[in-house]
Amino acid sequence: MSKNDEIKKFKKKIEELEFQKDFQQDIIADMELITGVDMSKKSLPKTLAKEIERKKKQRIKENGSIDVLLIV
């Protein structure tokens, strides 16, 4: 396998892992908004907890309030 093929393979794997991370963070952010419990601050590293907090703020900004999430 050439270096270029390996690089392409690794780039694809990185993209997959980044998608998984974002998806998981979205789920955690939604659950924290719905339940009102900030578990990420207590159980995750600070950098991940900050990313989830940003996603929660973005969700509230996009939807106007958490009531939109509760209807779904």
PDB file of N, CA and C in Angstrom:
ATOM      1  N   MET A   1       0.847  -1.177   0.000  1.00  0.00           N
ATOM      2  CA  MET A   1       0.000   0.000   0.000  1.00  0.00           C
ATOM      3  C   MET A   1       0.896   1.244   0.000  1.00  0.00           C
ATOM      4  N   SER A   2       0.623   2.144  -0.896  1.00  0.00           N
ATOM      5  CA  SER A   2       1.449   3.344  -1.004  1.00  0.00           C
ATOM      6  C   SER A   2       1.132   4.317   0.133  1.00  0.00           C
ATOM      7  N   LYS A   3       2.016   5.259   0.317  1.00  0.00           N
ATOM      8  CA  LYS A   3       1.816   6.256   1.375  1.00  0.00           C
ATOM      9  C   LYS A   3       0.546   7.060   1.137  1.00  0.00           C
ATOM     10  N   ASN A   4       0.287   7.407  -0.118  1.00  0.00           N
ATOM     11  CA  ASN A   4      -0.920   8.179  -0.439  1.00  0.00           C
ATOM     12  C   ASN A   4      -2.185   7.397  -0.099  1.00  0.00           C
ATOM     13  N   ASP A   5      -2.170   6.099  -0.380  1.00  0.00           N
ATOM     14  CA  ASP A   5      -3.324   5.262  -0.043  1.00  0.00           C
ATOM     15  C   ASP A   5      -3.520   5.193   1.471  1.00  0.00           C
ATOM     16  N   GLU A   6      -2.412   5.066   2.187  1.00  0.00           N
ATOM     17  CA  GLU A   6      -2.493   5.027   3.647  1.00  0.00           C
ATOM     18  C   GLU A   6      -3.027   6.346   4.196  1.00  0.00           C
ATOM     19  N   ILE A   7      -2.558   7.441   3.639  1.00  0.00           N
ATOM     20  CA  ILE A   7      -3.017   8.759   4.080  1.00  0.00           C
ATOM     21  C   ILE A   7      -4.509   8.907   3.834  1.00  0.00           C
ATOM     22  N   LYS A   8      -4.965   8.490   2.659  1.00  0.00           N
ATOM     23  CA  LYS A   8      -6.396   8.555   2.345  1.00  0.00           C
ATOM     24  C   LYS A   8      -7.199   7.704   3.322  1.00  0.00           C
ATOM     25  N   LYS A   9      -6.685   6.526   3.619  1.00  0.00           N
ATOM     26  CA  LYS A   9      -7.358   5.618   4.546  1.00  0.00           C
ATOM     27  C   LYS A   9      -7.463   6.257   5.935  1.00  0.00           C
ATOM     28  N   PHE A  10      -6.374   6.851   6.399  1.00  0.00           N
ATOM     29  CA  PHE A  10      -6.377   7.482   7.714  1.00  0.00           C
ATOM     30  C   PHE A  10      -7.274   8.712   7.754  1.00  0.00           C
ATOM     31  N   LYS A  11      -7.282   9.482   6.676  1.00  0.00           N
ATOM     32  CA  LYS A  11      -8.162  10.652   6.617  1.00  0.00           C
ATOM     33  C   LYS A  11      -9.623  10.238   6.690  1.00  0.00           C
ATOM     34  N   LYS A  12      -9.955   9.170   5.992  1.00  0.00           N
ATOM     35  CA  LYS A  12     -11.333   8.668   6.024  1.00  0.00           C
ATOM     36  C   LYS A  12     -11.696   8.211   7.429  1.00  0.00           C
ATOM     37  N   LYS A  13     -10.783   7.515   8.081  1.00  0.00           N
ATOM     38  CA  LYS A  13     -11.032   7.039   9.446  1.00  0.00           C
ATOM     39  C   LYS A  13     -11.200   8.216  10.401  1.00  0.00           C
ATOM     40  N   ILE A  14     -10.397   9.247  10.245  1.00  0.00           N
ATOM     41  CA  ILE A  14     -10.508  10.446  11.081  1.00  0.00           C
ATOM     42  C   ILE A  14     -11.868  11.096  10.890  1.00  0.00           C
ATOM     43  N   GLU A  15     -12.314  11.209   9.644  1.00  0.00           N
ATOM     44  CA  GLU A  15     -13.635  11.789   9.370  1.00  0.00           C
ATOM     45  C   GLU A  15     -14.739  10.975  10.036  1.00  0.00           C
ATOM     46  N   GLU A  16     -14.632   9.657   9.975  1.00  0.00           N
ATOM     47  CA  GLU A  16     -15.631   8.793  10.608  1.00  0.00           C
ATOM     48  C   GLU A  16     -15.649   8.999  12.118  1.00  0.00           C
ATOM     49  N   LEU A  17     -14.476   9.066  12.718  1.00  0.00           N
ATOM     50  CA  LEU A  17     -14.391   9.248  14.163  1.00  0.00           C
ATOM     51  C   LEU A  17     -14.896  10.623  14.590  1.00  0.00           C
ATOM     52  N   GLU A  18     -14.604  11.652  13.798  1.00  0.00           N
ATOM     53  CA  GLU A  18     -15.104  12.990  14.108  1.00  0.00           C
ATOM     54  C   GLU A  18     -16.626  13.034  14.019  1.00  0.00           C
ATOM     55  N   PHE A  19     -17.197  12.349  13.027  1.00  0.00           N
ATOM     56  CA  PHE A  19     -18.652  12.280  12.917  1.00  0.00           C
ATOM     57  C   PHE A  19     -19.245  11.594  14.142  1.00  0.00           C
ATOM     58  N   GLN A  20     -18.646  10.481  14.552  1.00  0.00           N
ATOM     59  CA  GLN A  20     -19.140   9.764  15.725  1.00  0.00           C
ATOM     60  C   GLN A  20     -19.079  10.639  16.968  1.00  0.00           C
ATOM     61  N   LYS A  21     -17.969  11.352  17.136  1.00  0.00           N
ATOM     62  CA  LYS A  21     -17.812  12.229  18.299  1.00  0.00           C
ATOM     63  C   LYS A  21     -18.874  13.320  18.290  1.00  0.00           C
ATOM     64  N   ASP A  22     -19.074  13.960  17.151  1.00  0.00           N
ATOM     65  CA  ASP A  22     -20.085  15.015  17.051  1.00  0.00           C
ATOM     66  C   ASP A  22     -21.484  14.471  17.322  1.00  0.00           C
ATOM     67  N   PHE A  23     -21.775  13.302  16.778  1.00  0.00           N
ATOM     68  CA  PHE A  23     -23.084  12.690  16.979  1.00  0.00           C
ATOM     69  C   PHE A  23     -23.319  12.397  18.462  1.00  0.00           C
ATOM     70  N   GLN A  24     -22.323  11.826  19.113  1.00  0.00           N
ATOM     71  CA  GLN A  24     -22.448  11.523  20.539  1.00  0.00           C
ATOM     72  C   GLN A  24     -22.606  12.802  21.357  1.00  0.00           C
ATOM     73  N   GLN A  25     -21.855  13.832  21.017  1.00  0.00           N
ATOM     74  CA  GLN A  25     -21.971  15.096  21.737  1.00  0.00           C
ATOM     75  C   GLN A  25     -23.347  15.715  21.534  1.00  0.00           C
ATOM     76  N   ASP A  26     -23.894  15.605  20.326  1.00  0.00           N
ATOM     77  CA  ASP A  26     -25.245  16.114  20.072  1.00  0.00           C
ATOM     78  C   ASP A  26     -26.268  15.403  20.947  1.00  0.00           C
ATOM     79  N   ILE A  27     -26.139  14.094  21.059  1.00  0.00           N
ATOM     80  CA  ILE A  27     -27.073  13.330  21.884  1.00  0.00           C
ATOM     81  C   ILE A  27     -26.945  13.736  23.348  1.00  0.00           C
ATOM     82  N   ILE A  28     -25.724  13.855  23.833  1.00  0.00           N
ATOM     83  CA  ILE A  28     -25.511  14.256  25.223  1.00  0.00           C
ATOM     84  C   ILE A  28     -26.077  15.645  25.464  1.00  0.00           C
ATOM     85  N   ALA A  29     -25.813  16.576  24.553  1.00  0.00           N
ATOM     86  CA  ALA A  29     -26.319  17.945  24.701  1.00  0.00           C
ATOM     87  C   ALA A  29     -27.843  17.955  24.729  1.00  0.00           C
ATOM     88  N   ASP A  30     -28.471  17.215  23.832  1.00  0.00           N
ATOM     89  CA  ASP A  30     -29.935  17.149  23.807  1.00  0.00           C
ATOM     90  C   ASP A  30     -30.485  16.561  25.103  1.00  0.00           C
ATOM     91  N   MET A  31     -29.879  15.487  25.578  1.00  0.00           N
ATOM     92  CA  MET A  31     -30.358  14.862  26.810  1.00  0.00           C
ATOM     93  C   MET A  31     -30.185  15.791  28.008  1.00  0.00           C
ATOM     94  N   GLU A  32     -29.085  16.517  28.048  1.00  0.00           N
ATOM     95  CA  GLU A  32     -28.883  17.460  29.142  1.00  0.00           C
ATOM     96  C   GLU A  32     -29.902  18.586  29.081  1.00  0.00           C
ATOM     97  N   LEU A  33     -30.235  19.042  27.894  1.00  0.00           N
ATOM     98  CA  LEU A  33     -31.254  20.084  27.766  1.00  0.00           C
ATOM     99  C   LEU A  33     -32.625  19.563  28.185  1.00  0.00           C
ATOM    100  N   ILE A  34     -32.940  18.345  27.806  1.00  0.00           N
ATOM    101  CA  ILE A  34     -34.244  17.775  28.130  1.00  0.00           C
ATOM    102  C   ILE A  34     -34.368  17.499  29.626  1.00  0.00           C
ATOM    103  N   THR A  35     -33.335  16.895  30.207  1.00  0.00           N
ATOM    104  CA  THR A  35     -33.410  16.504  31.616  1.00  0.00           C
ATOM    105  C   THR A  35     -33.035  17.631  32.565  1.00  0.00           C
ATOM    106  N   GLY A  36     -32.249  18.583  32.078  1.00  0.00           N
ATOM    107  CA  GLY A  36     -31.793  19.662  32.944  1.00  0.00           C
ATOM    108  C   GLY A  36     -30.631  19.273  33.837  1.00  0.00           C
ATOM    109  N   VAL A  37     -30.047  18.103  33.604  1.00  0.00           N
ATOM    110  CA  VAL A  37     -28.934  17.613  34.412  1.00  0.00           C
ATOM    111  C   VAL A  37     -27.647  17.714  33.597  1.00  0.00           C
ATOM    112  N   ASP A  38     -26.651  18.395  34.152  1.00  0.00           N
ATOM    113  CA  ASP A  38     -25.368  18.570  33.461  1.00  0.00           C
ATOM    114  C   ASP A  38     -24.390  17.474  33.875  1.00  0.00           C
ATOM    115  N   MET A  39     -24.568  16.301  33.328  1.00  0.00           N
ATOM    116  CA  MET A  39     -23.696  15.177  33.669  1.00  0.00           C
ATOM    117  C   MET A  39     -22.317  15.295  33.035  1.00  0.00           C
ATOM    118  N   SER A  40     -22.222  15.953  31.906  1.00  0.00           N
ATOM    119  CA  SER A  40     -20.936  16.024  31.209  1.00  0.00           C
ATOM    120  C   SER A  40     -19.895  16.764  32.039  1.00  0.00           C
ATOM    121  N   LYS A  41     -20.322  17.772  32.787  1.00  0.00           N
ATOM    122  CA  LYS A  41     -19.372  18.524  33.609  1.00  0.00           C
ATOM    123  C   LYS A  41     -18.771  17.645  34.696  1.00  0.00           C
ATOM    124  N   LYS A  42     -19.558  16.696  35.168  1.00  0.00           N
ATOM    125  CA  LYS A  42     -19.107  15.847  36.268  1.00  0.00           C
ATOM    126  C   LYS A  42     -18.312  14.638  35.797  1.00  0.00           C
ATOM    127  N   SER A  43     -18.621  14.138  34.612  1.00  0.00           N
ATOM    128  CA  SER A  43     -18.056  12.850  34.224  1.00  0.00           C
ATOM    129  C   SER A  43     -17.114  12.868  33.023  1.00  0.00           C
ATOM    130  N   LEU A  44     -17.010  13.988  32.328  1.00  0.00           N
ATOM    131  CA  LEU A  44     -16.147  14.042  31.147  1.00  0.00           C
ATOM    132  C   LEU A  44     -15.003  15.028  31.355  1.00  0.00           C
ATOM    133  N   PRO A  45     -13.928  14.875  30.587  1.00  0.00           N
ATOM    134  CA  PRO A  45     -12.841  15.857  30.649  1.00  0.00           C
ATOM    135  C   PRO A  45     -13.359  17.256  30.297  1.00  0.00           C
ATOM    136  N   LYS A  46     -12.696  18.263  30.830  1.00  0.00           N
ATOM    137  CA  LYS A  46     -13.149  19.650  30.653  1.00  0.00           C
ATOM    138  C   LYS A  46     -13.311  20.039  29.190  1.00  0.00           C
ATOM    139  N   THR A  47     -12.394  19.617  28.346  1.00  0.00           N
ATOM    140  CA  THR A  47     -12.480  20.012  26.937  1.00  0.00           C
ATOM    141  C   THR A  47     -13.744  19.465  26.284  1.00  0.00           C
ATOM    142  N   LEU A  48     -14.090  18.216  26.580  1.00  0.00           N
ATOM    143  CA  LEU A  48     -15.319  17.647  26.021  1.00  0.00           C
ATOM    144  C   LEU A  48     -16.552  18.301  26.622  1.00  0.00           C
ATOM    145  N   ALA A  49     -16.512  18.566  27.923  1.00  0.00           N
ATOM    146  CA  ALA A  49     -17.649  19.219  28.576  1.00  0.00           C
ATOM    147  C   ALA A  49     -17.884  20.608  27.985  1.00  0.00           C
ATOM    148  N   LYS A  50     -16.807  21.312  27.663  1.00  0.00           N
ATOM    149  CA  LYS A  50     -16.946  22.638  27.056  1.00  0.00           C
ATOM    150  C   LYS A  50     -17.556  22.546  25.661  1.00  0.00           C
ATOM    151  N   GLU A  51     -17.148  21.545  24.891  1.00  0.00           N
ATOM    152  CA  GLU A  51     -17.719  21.360  23.553  1.00  0.00           C
ATOM    153  C   GLU A  51     -19.213  21.063  23.645  1.00  0.00           C
ATOM    154  N   ILE A  52     -19.600  20.251  24.602  1.00  0.00           N
ATOM    155  CA  ILE A  52     -21.016  19.925  24.781  1.00  0.00           C
ATOM    156  C   ILE A  52     -21.782  21.158  25.224  1.00  0.00           C
ATOM    157  N   GLU A  53     -21.196  21.952  26.098  1.00  0.00           N
ATOM    158  CA  GLU A  53     -21.847  23.193  26.540  1.00  0.00           C
ATOM    159  C   GLU A  53     -22.069  24.134  25.353  1.00  0.00           C
ATOM    160  N   ARG A  54     -21.084  24.223  24.456  1.00  0.00           N
ATOM    161  CA  ARG A  54     -21.247  25.047  23.252  1.00  0.00           C
ATOM    162  C   ARG A  54     -22.382  24.525  22.371  1.00  0.00           C
ATOM    163  N   LYS A  55     -22.474  23.219  22.243  1.00  0.00           N
ATOM    164  CA  LYS A  55     -23.551  22.631  21.444  1.00  0.00           C
ATOM    165  C   LYS A  55     -24.909  22.923  22.068  1.00  0.00           C
ATOM    166  N   LYS A  56     -24.987  22.884  23.394  1.00  0.00           N
ATOM    167  CA  LYS A  56     -26.248  23.189  24.071  1.00  0.00           C
ATOM    168  C   LYS A  56     -26.647  24.638  23.831  1.00  0.00           C
ATOM    169  N   LYS A  57     -25.691  25.540  23.952  1.00  0.00           N
ATOM    170  CA  LYS A  57     -25.983  26.956  23.713  1.00  0.00           C
ATOM    171  C   LYS A  57     -26.424  27.181  22.270  1.00  0.00           C
ATOM    172  N   GLN A  58     -25.774  26.499  21.349  1.00  0.00           N
ATOM    173  CA  GLN A  58     -26.133  26.615  19.933  1.00  0.00           C
ATOM    174  C   GLN A  58     -27.551  26.100  19.705  1.00  0.00           C
ATOM    175  N   ARG A  59     -27.901  24.986  20.334  1.00  0.00           N
ATOM    176  CA  ARG A  59     -29.253  24.427  20.201  1.00  0.00           C
ATOM    177  C   ARG A  59     -30.306  25.406  20.717  1.00  0.00           C
ATOM    178  N   ILE A  60     -30.040  25.994  21.874  1.00  0.00           N
ATOM    179  CA  ILE A  60     -30.993  26.946  22.451  1.00  0.00           C
ATOM    180  C   ILE A  60     -31.127  28.157  21.543  1.00  0.00           C
ATOM    181  N   LYS A  61     -29.995  28.627  21.007  1.00  0.00           N
ATOM    182  CA  LYS A  61     -30.019  29.781  20.108  1.00  0.00           C
ATOM    183  C   LYS A  61     -30.811  29.470  18.839  1.00  0.00           C
ATOM    184  N   GLU A  62     -30.610  28.279  18.277  1.00  0.00           N
ATOM    185  CA  GLU A  62     -31.307  27.885  17.050  1.00  0.00           C
ATOM    186  C   GLU A  62     -32.803  27.698  17.277  1.00  0.00           C
ATOM    187  N   ASN A  63     -33.151  27.099  18.387  1.00  0.00           N
ATOM    188  CA  ASN A  63     -34.543  26.731  18.635  1.00  0.00           C
ATOM    189  C   ASN A  63     -35.310  27.758  19.452  1.00  0.00           C
ATOM    190  N   GLY A  64     -34.629  28.698  20.035  1.00  0.00           N
ATOM    191  CA  GLY A  64     -35.310  29.713  20.834  1.00  0.00           C
ATOM    192  C   GLY A  64     -35.509  29.303  22.276  1.00  0.00           C
ATOM    193  N   SER A  65     -35.761  28.040  22.521  1.00  0.00           N
ATOM    194  CA  SER A  65     -35.887  27.537  23.885  1.00  0.00           C
ATOM    195  C   SER A  65     -35.805  26.024  23.854  1.00  0.00           C
ATOM    196  N   ILE A  66     -35.752  25.427  25.028  1.00  0.00           N
ATOM    197  CA  ILE A  66     -35.686  23.969  25.076  1.00  0.00           C
ATOM    198  C   ILE A  66     -37.049  23.339  24.872  1.00  0.00           C
ATOM    199  N   ASP A  67     -38.118  24.121  24.913  1.00  0.00           N
ATOM    200  CA  ASP A  67     -39.455  23.575  24.704  1.00  0.00           C
ATOM    201  C   ASP A  67     -39.584  22.930  23.334  1.00  0.00           C
ATOM    202  N   VAL A  68     -38.859  23.432  22.361  1.00  0.00           N
ATOM    203  CA  VAL A  68     -38.905  22.859  21.015  1.00  0.00           C
ATOM    204  C   VAL A  68     -38.412  21.419  21.056  1.00  0.00           C
ATOM    205  N   LEU A  69     -37.396  21.152  21.858  1.00  0.00           N
ATOM    206  CA  LEU A  69     -36.879  19.796  21.964  1.00  0.00           C
ATOM    207  C   LEU A  69     -37.878  18.873  22.650  1.00  0.00           C
ATOM    208  N   LEU A  70     -38.621  19.391  23.598  1.00  0.00           N
ATOM    209  CA  LEU A  70     -39.558  18.558  24.337  1.00  0.00           C
ATOM    210  C   LEU A  70     -40.740  18.129  23.488  1.00  0.00           C
ATOM    211  N   ILE A  71     -41.095  18.899  22.484  1.00  0.00           N
ATOM    212  CA  ILE A  71     -42.214  18.557  21.609  1.00  0.00           C
ATOM    213  C   ILE A  71     -41.878  17.349  20.758  1.00  0.00           C
ATOM    214  N   VAL A  72     -40.639  17.258  20.339  1.00  0.00           N
ATOM    215  CA  VAL A  72     -40.201  16.155  19.487  1.00  0.00           C
ATOM    216  C   VAL A  72     -40.274  14.902  20.280  1.00  0.00           C
TER     217      VAL A  72
END
